[in-house]
mmCIF file of all heavy atoms, coordinates in Angstrom:
data_MODEL
# 
_entry.id   MODEL 
# 
loop_
_atom_site.group_PDB 
_atom_site.id 
_atom_site.type_symbol 
_atom_site.label_atom_id 
_atom_site.label_alt_id 
_atom_site.label_comp_id 
_atom_site.label_asym_id 
_atom_site.label_entity_id 
_atom_site.label_seq_id 
_atom_site.pdbx_PDB_ins_code 
_atom_site.Cartn_x 
_atom_site.Cartn_y 
_atom_site.Cartn_z 
_atom_site.occupancy 
_atom_site.B_iso_or_equiv 
_atom_site.pdbx_formal_charge 
_atom_site.auth_seq_id 
_atom_site.auth_comp_id 
_atom_site.auth_asym_id 
_atom_site.auth_atom_id 
_atom_site.pdbx_PDB_model_num 
ATOM 1   N N   . MET A 1 1  ? -51.556 20.525  15.278 1.00 0.00 ? 1  MET A N   1 
ATOM 2   C CA  . MET A 1 1  ? -51.372 19.721  16.485 1.00 0.00 ? 1  MET A CA  1 
ATOM 3   C C   . MET A 1 1  ? -52.419 20.127  17.530 1.00 0.00 ? 1  MET A C   1 
ATOM 4   O O   . MET A 1 1  ? -52.706 21.310  17.708 1.00 0.00 ? 1  MET A O   1 
ATOM 5   C CB  . MET A 1 1  ? -49.966 19.930  17.052 1.00 0.00 ? 1  MET A CB  1 
ATOM 6   C CG  . MET A 1 1  ? -49.720 19.109  18.306 1.00 0.00 ? 1  MET A CG  1 
ATOM 7   S SD  . MET A 1 1  ? -47.984 19.018  18.802 1.00 0.00 ? 1  MET A SD  1 
ATOM 8   C CE  . MET A 1 1  ? -47.341 20.593  18.396 1.00 0.00 ? 1  MET A CE  1 
ATOM 9   N N   . THR A 1 2  ? -52.959 19.120  18.207 1.00 0.00 ? 2  THR A N   1 
ATOM 10  C CA  . THR A 1 2  ? -53.983 19.362  19.214 1.00 0.00 ? 2  THR A CA  1 
ATOM 11  C C   . THR A 1 2  ? -53.366 19.993  20.451 1.00 0.00 ? 2  THR A C   1 
ATOM 12  O O   . THR A 1 2  ? -52.323 19.560  20.937 1.00 0.00 ? 2  THR A O   1 
ATOM 13  C CB  . THR A 1 2  ? -54.689 18.067  19.608 1.00 0.00 ? 2  THR A CB  1 
ATOM 14  O OG1 . THR A 1 2  ? -55.246 17.483  18.438 1.00 0.00 ? 2  THR A OG1 1 
ATOM 15  C CG2 . THR A 1 2  ? -55.797 18.336  20.603 1.00 0.00 ? 2  THR A CG2 1 
ATOM 16  N N   . ASP A 1 3  ? -53.994 21.011  20.947 1.00 0.00 ? 3  ASP A N   1 
ATOM 17  C CA  . ASP A 1 3  ? -53.536 21.669  22.164 1.00 0.00 ? 3  ASP A CA  1 
ATOM 18  C C   . ASP A 1 3  ? -54.057 20.877  23.362 1.00 0.00 ? 3  ASP A C   1 
ATOM 19  O O   . ASP A 1 3  ? -55.230 20.961  23.709 1.00 0.00 ? 3  ASP A O   1 
ATOM 20  C CB  . ASP A 1 3  ? -54.053 23.104  22.204 1.00 0.00 ? 3  ASP A CB  1 
ATOM 21  C CG  . ASP A 1 3  ? -53.579 23.838  23.453 1.00 0.00 ? 3  ASP A CG  1 
ATOM 22  O OD1 . ASP A 1 3  ? -52.773 23.270  24.218 1.00 0.00 ? 3  ASP A OD1 1 
ATOM 23  O OD2 . ASP A 1 3  ? -54.032 24.980  23.641 1.00 0.00 ? 3  ASP A OD2 1 
ATOM 24  N N   . THR A 1 4  ? -53.181 20.098  24.000 1.00 0.00 ? 4  THR A N   1 
ATOM 25  C CA  . THR A 1 4  ? -53.607 19.252  25.112 1.00 0.00 ? 4  THR A CA  1 
ATOM 26  C C   . THR A 1 4  ? -54.107 20.070  26.287 1.00 0.00 ? 4  THR A C   1 
ATOM 27  O O   . THR A 1 4  ? -54.930 19.599  27.075 1.00 0.00 ? 4  THR A O   1 
ATOM 28  C CB  . THR A 1 4  ? -52.459 18.350  25.577 1.00 0.00 ? 4  THR A CB  1 
ATOM 29  O OG1 . THR A 1 4  ? -51.342 19.161  25.930 1.00 0.00 ? 4  THR A OG1 1 
ATOM 30  C CG2 . THR A 1 4  ? -52.054 17.384  24.472 1.00 0.00 ? 4  THR A CG2 1 
ATOM 31  N N   . ALA A 1 5  ? -53.647 21.312  26.407 1.00 0.00 ? 5  ALA A N   1 
ATOM 32  C CA  . ALA A 1 5  ? -54.075 22.150  27.528 1.00 0.00 ? 5  ALA A CA  1 
ATOM 33  C C   . ALA A 1 5  ? -55.549 22.515  27.417 1.00 0.00 ? 5  ALA A C   1 
ATOM 34  O O   . ALA A 1 5  ? -56.193 22.847  28.409 1.00 0.00 ? 5  ALA A O   1 
ATOM 35  C CB  . ALA A 1 5  ? -53.217 23.411  27.600 1.00 0.00 ? 5  ALA A CB  1 
ATOM 36  N N   . SER A 1 6  ? -56.094 22.478  26.159 1.00 0.00 ? 6  SER A N   1 
ATOM 37  C CA  . SER A 1 6  ? -57.491 22.856  25.970 1.00 0.00 ? 6  SER A CA  1 
ATOM 38  C C   . SER A 1 6  ? -58.449 21.692  26.179 1.00 0.00 ? 6  SER A C   1 
ATOM 39  O O   . SER A 1 6  ? -59.659 21.884  26.193 1.00 0.00 ? 6  SER A O   1 
ATOM 40  C CB  . SER A 1 6  ? -57.696 23.413  24.556 1.00 0.00 ? 6  SER A CB  1 
ATOM 41  O OG  . SER A 1 6  ? -57.467 22.399  23.584 1.00 0.00 ? 6  SER A OG  1 
ATOM 42  N N   . ARG A 1 7  ? -57.935 20.499  26.322 1.00 0.00 ? 7  ARG A N   1 
ATOM 43  C CA  . ARG A 1 7  ? -58.797 19.350  26.526 1.00 0.00 ? 7  ARG A CA  1 
ATOM 44  C C   . ARG A 1 7  ? -59.381 19.375  27.938 1.00 0.00 ? 7  ARG A C   1 
ATOM 45  O O   . ARG A 1 7  ? -58.698 19.739  28.896 1.00 0.00 ? 7  ARG A O   1 
ATOM 46  C CB  . ARG A 1 7  ? -58.005 18.047  26.352 1.00 0.00 ? 7  ARG A CB  1 
ATOM 47  C CG  . ARG A 1 7  ? -57.500 17.789  24.946 1.00 0.00 ? 7  ARG A CG  1 
ATOM 48  C CD  . ARG A 1 7  ? -56.675 16.517  24.924 1.00 0.00 ? 7  ARG A CD  1 
ATOM 49  N NE  . ARG A 1 7  ? -56.102 16.277  23.608 1.00 0.00 ? 7  ARG A NE  1 
ATOM 50  C CZ  . ARG A 1 7  ? -55.189 15.342  23.354 1.00 0.00 ? 7  ARG A CZ  1 
ATOM 51  N NH1 . ARG A 1 7  ? -54.737 14.574  24.349 1.00 0.00 ? 7  ARG A NH1 1 
ATOM 52  N NH2 . ARG A 1 7  ? -54.729 15.183  22.137 1.00 0.00 ? 7  ARG A NH2 1 
ATOM 53  N N   . PRO A 1 8  ? -60.648 19.000  28.099 1.00 0.00 ? 8  PRO A N   1 
ATOM 54  C CA  . PRO A 1 8  ? -61.197 18.916  29.458 1.00 0.00 ? 8  PRO A CA  1 
ATOM 55  C C   . PRO A 1 8  ? -60.511 17.810  30.234 1.00 0.00 ? 8  PRO A C   1 
ATOM 56  O O   . PRO A 1 8  ? -60.094 16.781  29.672 1.00 0.00 ? 8  PRO A O   1 
ATOM 57  C CB  . PRO A 1 8  ? -62.681 18.588  29.216 1.00 0.00 ? 8  PRO A CB  1 
ATOM 58  C CG  . PRO A 1 8  ? -62.717 17.958  27.856 1.00 0.00 ? 8  PRO A CG  1 
ATOM 59  C CD  . PRO A 1 8  ? -61.623 18.618  27.066 1.00 0.00 ? 8  PRO A CD  1 
ATOM 60  N N   . ARG A 1 9  ? -60.382 18.030  31.529 1.00 0.00 ? 9  ARG A N   1 
ATOM 61  C CA  . ARG A 1 9  ? -59.750 16.992  32.339 1.00 0.00 ? 9  ARG A CA  1 
ATOM 62  C C   . ARG A 1 9  ? -60.666 15.775  32.423 1.00 0.00 ? 9  ARG A C   1 
ATOM 63  O O   . ARG A 1 9  ? -61.889 15.895  32.306 1.00 0.00 ? 9  ARG A O   1 
ATOM 64  C CB  . ARG A 1 9  ? -59.443 17.514  33.731 1.00 0.00 ? 9  ARG A CB  1 
ATOM 65  C CG  . ARG A 1 9  ? -60.668 17.828  34.587 1.00 0.00 ? 9  ARG A CG  1 
ATOM 66  C CD  . ARG A 1 9  ? -60.294 18.066  36.036 1.00 0.00 ? 9  ARG A CD  1 
ATOM 67  N NE  . ARG A 1 9  ? -61.462 18.391  36.858 1.00 0.00 ? 9  ARG A NE  1 
ATOM 68  C CZ  . ARG A 1 9  ? -62.317 17.501  37.334 1.00 0.00 ? 9  ARG A CZ  1 
ATOM 69  N NH1 . ARG A 1 9  ? -62.151 16.213  37.047 1.00 0.00 ? 9  ARG A NH1 1 
ATOM 70  N NH2 . ARG A 1 9  ? -63.345 17.874  38.073 1.00 0.00 ? 9  ARG A NH2 1 
ATOM 71  N N   . PRO A 1 10 ? -60.107 14.593  32.651 1.00 0.00 ? 10 PRO A N   1 
ATOM 72  C CA  . PRO A 1 10 ? -60.947 13.400  32.796 1.00 0.00 ? 10 PRO A CA  1 
ATOM 73  C C   . PRO A 1 10 ? -61.864 13.510  34.008 1.00 0.00 ? 10 PRO A C   1 
ATOM 74  O O   . PRO A 1 10 ? -61.533 14.140  35.018 1.00 0.00 ? 10 PRO A O   1 
ATOM 75  C CB  . PRO A 1 10 ? -59.925 12.271  32.987 1.00 0.00 ? 10 PRO A CB  1 
ATOM 76  C CG  . PRO A 1 10 ? -58.637 12.806  32.470 1.00 0.00 ? 10 PRO A CG  1 
ATOM 77  C CD  . PRO A 1 10 ? -58.679 14.277  32.718 1.00 0.00 ? 10 PRO A CD  1 
ATOM 78  N N   . ILE A 1 11 ? -63.026 12.904  33.908 1.00 0.00 ? 11 ILE A N   1 
ATOM 79  C CA  . ILE A 1 11 ? -63.946 12.816  35.043 1.00 0.00 ? 11 ILE A CA  1 
ATOM 80  C C   . ILE A 1 11 ? -63.338 11.890  36.083 1.00 0.00 ? 11 ILE A C   1 
ATOM 81  O O   . ILE A 1 11 ? -62.824 10.815  35.751 1.00 0.00 ? 11 ILE A O   1 
ATOM 82  C CB  . ILE A 1 11 ? -65.299 12.245  34.586 1.00 0.00 ? 11 ILE A CB  1 
ATOM 83  C CG1 . ILE A 1 11 ? -65.942 13.159  33.547 1.00 0.00 ? 11 ILE A CG1 1 
ATOM 84  C CG2 . ILE A 1 11 ? -66.231 12.036  35.769 1.00 0.00 ? 11 ILE A CG2 1 
ATOM 85  C CD1 . ILE A 1 11 ? -67.117 12.509  32.849 1.00 0.00 ? 11 ILE A CD1 1 
ATOM 86  N N   . THR A 1 12 ? -63.389 12.275  37.338 1.00 0.00 ? 12 THR A N   1 
ATOM 87  C CA  . THR A 1 12 ? -62.921 11.391  38.398 1.00 0.00 ? 12 THR A CA  1 
ATOM 88  C C   . THR A 1 12 ? -64.094 10.573  38.940 1.00 0.00 ? 12 THR A C   1 
ATOM 89  O O   . THR A 1 12 ? -65.158 11.110  39.233 1.00 0.00 ? 12 THR A O   1 
ATOM 90  C CB  . THR A 1 12 ? -62.270 12.193  39.536 1.00 0.00 ? 12 THR A CB  1 
ATOM 91  O OG1 . THR A 1 12 ? -63.201 13.160  40.035 1.00 0.00 ? 12 THR A OG1 1 
ATOM 92  C CG2 . THR A 1 12 ? -61.003 12.883  39.058 1.00 0.00 ? 12 THR A CG2 1 
ATOM 93  N N   . VAL A 1 13 ? -63.871 9.275   39.046 1.00 0.00 ? 13 VAL A N   1 
ATOM 94  C CA  . VAL A 1 13 ? -64.930 8.339   39.434 1.00 0.00 ? 13 VAL A CA  1 
ATOM 95  C C   . VAL A 1 13 ? -64.441 7.448   40.569 1.00 0.00 ? 13 VAL A C   1 
ATOM 96  O O   . VAL A 1 13 ? -63.353 6.861   40.486 1.00 0.00 ? 13 VAL A O   1 
ATOM 97  C CB  . VAL A 1 13 ? -65.366 7.463   38.242 1.00 0.00 ? 13 VAL A CB  1 
ATOM 98  C CG1 . VAL A 1 13 ? -66.442 6.467   38.664 1.00 0.00 ? 13 VAL A CG1 1 
ATOM 99  C CG2 . VAL A 1 13 ? -65.878 8.334   37.103 1.00 0.00 ? 13 VAL A CG2 1 
ATOM 100 N N   . ALA A 1 14 ? -65.233 7.360   41.621 1.00 0.00 ? 14 ALA A N   1 
ATOM 101 C CA  . ALA A 1 14 ? -64.980 6.407   42.704 1.00 0.00 ? 14 ALA A CA  1 
ATOM 102 C C   . ALA A 1 14 ? -65.979 5.257   42.565 1.00 0.00 ? 14 ALA A C   1 
ATOM 103 O O   . ALA A 1 14 ? -67.156 5.484   42.273 1.00 0.00 ? 14 ALA A O   1 
ATOM 104 C CB  . ALA A 1 14 ? -65.137 7.074   44.068 1.00 0.00 ? 14 ALA A CB  1 
ATOM 105 N N   . LEU A 1 15 ? -65.503 4.037   42.775 1.00 0.00 ? 15 LEU A N   1 
ATOM 106 C CA  . LEU A 1 15 ? -66.327 2.840   42.627 1.00 0.00 ? 15 LEU A CA  1 
ATOM 107 C C   . LEU A 1 15 ? -66.642 2.262   43.997 1.00 0.00 ? 15 LEU A C   1 
ATOM 108 O O   . LEU A 1 15 ? -65.750 2.118   44.831 1.00 0.00 ? 15 LEU A O   1 
ATOM 109 C CB  . LEU A 1 15 ? -65.600 1.798   41.771 1.00 0.00 ? 15 LEU A CB  1 
ATOM 110 C CG  . LEU A 1 15 ? -65.110 2.283   40.406 1.00 0.00 ? 15 LEU A CG  1 
ATOM 111 C CD1 . LEU A 1 15 ? -64.380 1.157   39.683 1.00 0.00 ? 15 LEU A CD1 1 
ATOM 112 C CD2 . LEU A 1 15 ? -66.263 2.810   39.563 1.00 0.00 ? 15 LEU A CD2 1 
ATOM 113 N N   . VAL A 1 16 ? -67.909 1.929   44.221 1.00 0.00 ? 16 VAL A N   1 
ATOM 114 C CA  . VAL A 1 16 ? -68.336 1.429   45.525 1.00 0.00 ? 16 VAL A CA  1 
ATOM 115 C C   . VAL A 1 16 ? -69.049 0.092   45.360 1.00 0.00 ? 16 VAL A C   1 
ATOM 116 O O   . VAL A 1 16 ? -70.132 0.008   44.773 1.00 0.00 ? 16 VAL A O   1 
ATOM 117 C CB  . VAL A 1 16 ? -69.275 2.433   46.234 1.00 0.00 ? 16 VAL A CB  1 
ATOM 118 C CG1 . VAL A 1 16 ? -69.724 1.874   47.581 1.00 0.00 ? 16 VAL A CG1 1 
ATOM 119 C CG2 . VAL A 1 16 ? -68.583 3.776   46.427 1.00 0.00 ? 16 VAL A CG2 1 
ATOM 120 N N   . ASP A 1 17 ? -68.432 -0.937  45.853 1.00 0.00 ? 17 ASP A N   1 
ATOM 121 C CA  . ASP A 1 17 ? -69.014 -2.273  45.977 1.00 0.00 ? 17 ASP A CA  1 
ATOM 122 C C   . ASP A 1 17 ? -68.077 -3.037  46.904 1.00 0.00 ? 17 ASP A C   1 
ATOM 123 O O   . ASP A 1 17 ? -66.895 -2.685  47.030 1.00 0.00 ? 17 ASP A O   1 
ATOM 124 C CB  . ASP A 1 17 ? -69.129 -2.982  44.627 1.00 0.00 ? 17 ASP A CB  1 
ATOM 125 C CG  . ASP A 1 17 ? -69.824 -4.341  44.736 1.00 0.00 ? 17 ASP A CG  1 
ATOM 126 O OD1 . ASP A 1 17 ? -69.147 -5.355  44.998 1.00 0.00 ? 17 ASP A OD1 1 
ATOM 127 O OD2 . ASP A 1 17 ? -71.051 -4.388  44.579 1.00 0.00 ? 17 ASP A OD2 1 
ATOM 128 N N   . ASP A 1 18 ? -68.577 -4.073  47.555 1.00 0.00 ? 18 ASP A N   1 
ATOM 129 C CA  . ASP A 1 18 ? -67.770 -4.772  48.548 1.00 0.00 ? 18 ASP A CA  1 
ATOM 130 C C   . ASP A 1 18 ? -66.899 -5.884  47.964 1.00 0.00 ? 18 ASP A C   1 
ATOM 131 O O   . ASP A 1 18 ? -66.171 -6.543  48.702 1.00 0.00 ? 18 ASP A O   1 
ATOM 132 C CB  . ASP A 1 18 ? -68.671 -5.368  49.633 1.00 0.00 ? 18 ASP A CB  1 
ATOM 133 C CG  . ASP A 1 18 ? -69.296 -4.287  50.508 1.00 0.00 ? 18 ASP A CG  1 
ATOM 134 O OD1 . ASP A 1 18 ? -68.782 -3.156  50.491 1.00 0.00 ? 18 ASP A OD1 1 
ATOM 135 O OD2 . ASP A 1 18 ? -70.284 -4.582  51.194 1.00 0.00 ? 18 ASP A OD2 1 
ATOM 136 N N   . TYR A 1 19 ? -66.971 -6.102  46.644 1.00 0.00 ? 19 TYR A N   1 
ATOM 137 C CA  . TYR A 1 19 ? -66.243 -7.211  46.022 1.00 0.00 ? 19 TYR A CA  1 
ATOM 138 C C   . TYR A 1 19 ? -65.174 -6.673  45.079 1.00 0.00 ? 19 TYR A C   1 
ATOM 139 O O   . TYR A 1 19 ? -65.474 -6.015  44.082 1.00 0.00 ? 19 TYR A O   1 
ATOM 140 C CB  . TYR A 1 19 ? -67.210 -8.130  45.276 1.00 0.00 ? 19 TYR A CB  1 
ATOM 141 C CG  . TYR A 1 19 ? -68.097 -8.921  46.210 1.00 0.00 ? 19 TYR A CG  1 
ATOM 142 C CD1 . TYR A 1 19 ? -69.228 -8.345  46.775 1.00 0.00 ? 19 TYR A CD1 1 
ATOM 143 C CD2 . TYR A 1 19 ? -67.780 -10.233 46.567 1.00 0.00 ? 19 TYR A CD2 1 
ATOM 144 C CE1 . TYR A 1 19 ? -70.040 -9.047  47.661 1.00 0.00 ? 19 TYR A CE1 1 
ATOM 145 C CE2 . TYR A 1 19 ? -68.581 -10.954 47.446 1.00 0.00 ? 19 TYR A CE2 1 
ATOM 146 C CZ  . TYR A 1 19 ? -69.702 -10.356 47.985 1.00 0.00 ? 19 TYR A CZ  1 
ATOM 147 O OH  . TYR A 1 19 ? -70.491 -11.063 48.872 1.00 0.00 ? 19 TYR A OH  1 
ATOM 148 N N   . ASP A 1 20 ? -63.911 -6.963  45.395 1.00 0.00 ? 20 ASP A N   1 
ATOM 149 C CA  . ASP A 1 20 ? -62.800 -6.457  44.594 1.00 0.00 ? 20 ASP A CA  1 
ATOM 150 C C   . ASP A 1 20 ? -62.899 -6.875  43.132 1.00 0.00 ? 20 ASP A C   1 
ATOM 151 O O   . ASP A 1 20 ? -62.659 -6.069  42.229 1.00 0.00 ? 20 ASP A O   1 
ATOM 152 C CB  . ASP A 1 20 ? -61.472 -6.963  45.167 1.00 0.00 ? 20 ASP A CB  1 
ATOM 153 C CG  . ASP A 1 20 ? -61.114 -6.321  46.500 1.00 0.00 ? 20 ASP A CG  1 
ATOM 154 O OD1 . ASP A 1 20 ? -61.748 -5.307  46.862 1.00 0.00 ? 20 ASP A OD1 1 
ATOM 155 O OD2 . ASP A 1 20 ? -60.211 -6.838  47.177 1.00 0.00 ? 20 ASP A OD2 1 
ATOM 156 N N   . VAL A 1 21 ? -63.228 -8.141  42.880 1.00 0.00 ? 21 VAL A N   1 
ATOM 157 C CA  . VAL A 1 21 ? -63.247 -8.634  41.501 1.00 0.00 ? 21 VAL A CA  1 
ATOM 158 C C   . VAL A 1 21 ? -64.293 -7.904  40.681 1.00 0.00 ? 21 VAL A C   1 
ATOM 159 O O   . VAL A 1 21 ? -64.084 -7.636  39.492 1.00 0.00 ? 21 VAL A O   1 
ATOM 160 C CB  . VAL A 1 21 ? -63.486 -10.167 41.470 1.00 0.00 ? 21 VAL A CB  1 
ATOM 161 C CG1 . VAL A 1 21 ? -64.861 -10.538 42.020 1.00 0.00 ? 21 VAL A CG1 1 
ATOM 162 C CG2 . VAL A 1 21 ? -63.306 -10.712 40.057 1.00 0.00 ? 21 VAL A CG2 1 
ATOM 163 N N   . VAL A 1 22 ? -65.410 -7.542  41.289 1.00 0.00 ? 22 VAL A N   1 
ATOM 164 C CA  . VAL A 1 22 ? -66.458 -6.800  40.586 1.00 0.00 ? 22 VAL A CA  1 
ATOM 165 C C   . VAL A 1 22 ? -65.949 -5.418  40.183 1.00 0.00 ? 22 VAL A C   1 
ATOM 166 O O   . VAL A 1 22 ? -66.109 -4.984  39.034 1.00 0.00 ? 22 VAL A O   1 
ATOM 167 C CB  . VAL A 1 22 ? -67.714 -6.689  41.471 1.00 0.00 ? 22 VAL A CB  1 
ATOM 168 C CG1 . VAL A 1 22 ? -68.740 -5.751  40.850 1.00 0.00 ? 22 VAL A CG1 1 
ATOM 169 C CG2 . VAL A 1 22 ? -68.331 -8.066  41.694 1.00 0.00 ? 22 VAL A CG2 1 
ATOM 170 N N   . LEU A 1 23 ? -65.305 -4.728  41.114 1.00 0.00 ? 23 LEU A N   1 
ATOM 171 C CA  . LEU A 1 23 ? -64.845 -3.376  40.834 1.00 0.00 ? 23 LEU A CA  1 
ATOM 172 C C   . LEU A 1 23 ? -63.646 -3.356  39.896 1.00 0.00 ? 23 LEU A C   1 
ATOM 173 O O   . LEU A 1 23 ? -63.515 -2.443  39.075 1.00 0.00 ? 23 LEU A O   1 
ATOM 174 C CB  . LEU A 1 23 ? -64.516 -2.654  42.138 1.00 0.00 ? 23 LEU A CB  1 
ATOM 175 C CG  . LEU A 1 23 ? -65.711 -2.377  43.050 1.00 0.00 ? 23 LEU A CG  1 
ATOM 176 C CD1 . LEU A 1 23 ? -65.314 -1.432  44.173 1.00 0.00 ? 23 LEU A CD1 1 
ATOM 177 C CD2 . LEU A 1 23 ? -66.880 -1.802  42.283 1.00 0.00 ? 23 LEU A CD2 1 
ATOM 178 N N   . MET A 1 24 ? -62.787 -4.343  39.989 1.00 0.00 ? 24 MET A N   1 
ATOM 179 C CA  . MET A 1 24 ? -61.650 -4.378  39.073 1.00 0.00 ? 24 MET A CA  1 
ATOM 180 C C   . MET A 1 24 ? -62.117 -4.593  37.637 1.00 0.00 ? 24 MET A C   1 
ATOM 181 O O   . MET A 1 24 ? -61.572 -4.014  36.696 1.00 0.00 ? 24 MET A O   1 
ATOM 182 C CB  . MET A 1 24 ? -60.675 -5.482  39.491 1.00 0.00 ? 24 MET A CB  1 
ATOM 183 C CG  . MET A 1 24 ? -59.968 -5.211  40.814 1.00 0.00 ? 24 MET A CG  1 
ATOM 184 S SD  . MET A 1 24 ? -59.091 -3.615  40.866 1.00 0.00 ? 24 MET A SD  1 
ATOM 185 C CE  . MET A 1 24 ? -57.846 -3.887  39.613 1.00 0.00 ? 24 MET A CE  1 
ATOM 186 N N   . GLY A 1 25 ? -63.155 -5.419  37.460 1.00 0.00 ? 25 GLY A N   1 
ATOM 187 C CA  . GLY A 1 25 ? -63.705 -5.592  36.125 1.00 0.00 ? 25 GLY A CA  1 
ATOM 188 C C   . GLY A 1 25 ? -64.292 -4.299  35.592 1.00 0.00 ? 25 GLY A C   1 
ATOM 189 O O   . GLY A 1 25 ? -64.074 -3.942  34.425 1.00 0.00 ? 25 GLY A O   1 
ATOM 190 N N   . LEU A 1 26 ? -65.027 -3.581  36.440 1.00 0.00 ? 26 LEU A N   1 
ATOM 191 C CA  . LEU A 1 26 ? -65.590 -2.306  36.032 1.00 0.00 ? 26 LEU A CA  1 
ATOM 192 C C   . LEU A 1 26 ? -64.485 -1.301  35.726 1.00 0.00 ? 26 LEU A C   1 
ATOM 193 O O   . LEU A 1 26 ? -64.553 -0.571  34.712 1.00 0.00 ? 26 LEU A O   1 
ATOM 194 C CB  . LEU A 1 26 ? -66.511 -1.783  37.133 1.00 0.00 ? 26 LEU A CB  1 
ATOM 195 C CG  . LEU A 1 26 ? -67.167 -0.415  36.911 1.00 0.00 ? 26 LEU A CG  1 
ATOM 196 C CD1 . LEU A 1 26 ? -67.927 -0.379  35.598 1.00 0.00 ? 26 LEU A CD1 1 
ATOM 197 C CD2 . LEU A 1 26 ? -68.091 -0.088  38.078 1.00 0.00 ? 26 LEU A CD2 1 
ATOM 198 N N   . ALA A 1 27 ? -63.465 -1.259  36.546 1.00 0.00 ? 27 ALA A N   1 
ATOM 199 C CA  . ALA A 1 27 ? -62.355 -0.333  36.310 1.00 0.00 ? 27 ALA A CA  1 
ATOM 200 C C   . ALA A 1 27 ? -61.671 -0.618  34.978 1.00 0.00 ? 27 ALA A C   1 
ATOM 201 O O   . ALA A 1 27 ? -61.278 0.304   34.252 1.00 0.00 ? 27 ALA A O   1 
ATOM 202 C CB  . ALA A 1 27 ? -61.351 -0.425  37.457 1.00 0.00 ? 27 ALA A CB  1 
# 
């Protein structure tokens, strides 16, 4: 069984653009 504690945490990413629909698609 994989030890979940040993997995690296996910990268945190902030998205910057003035259009919600653009960023929601990227997300």
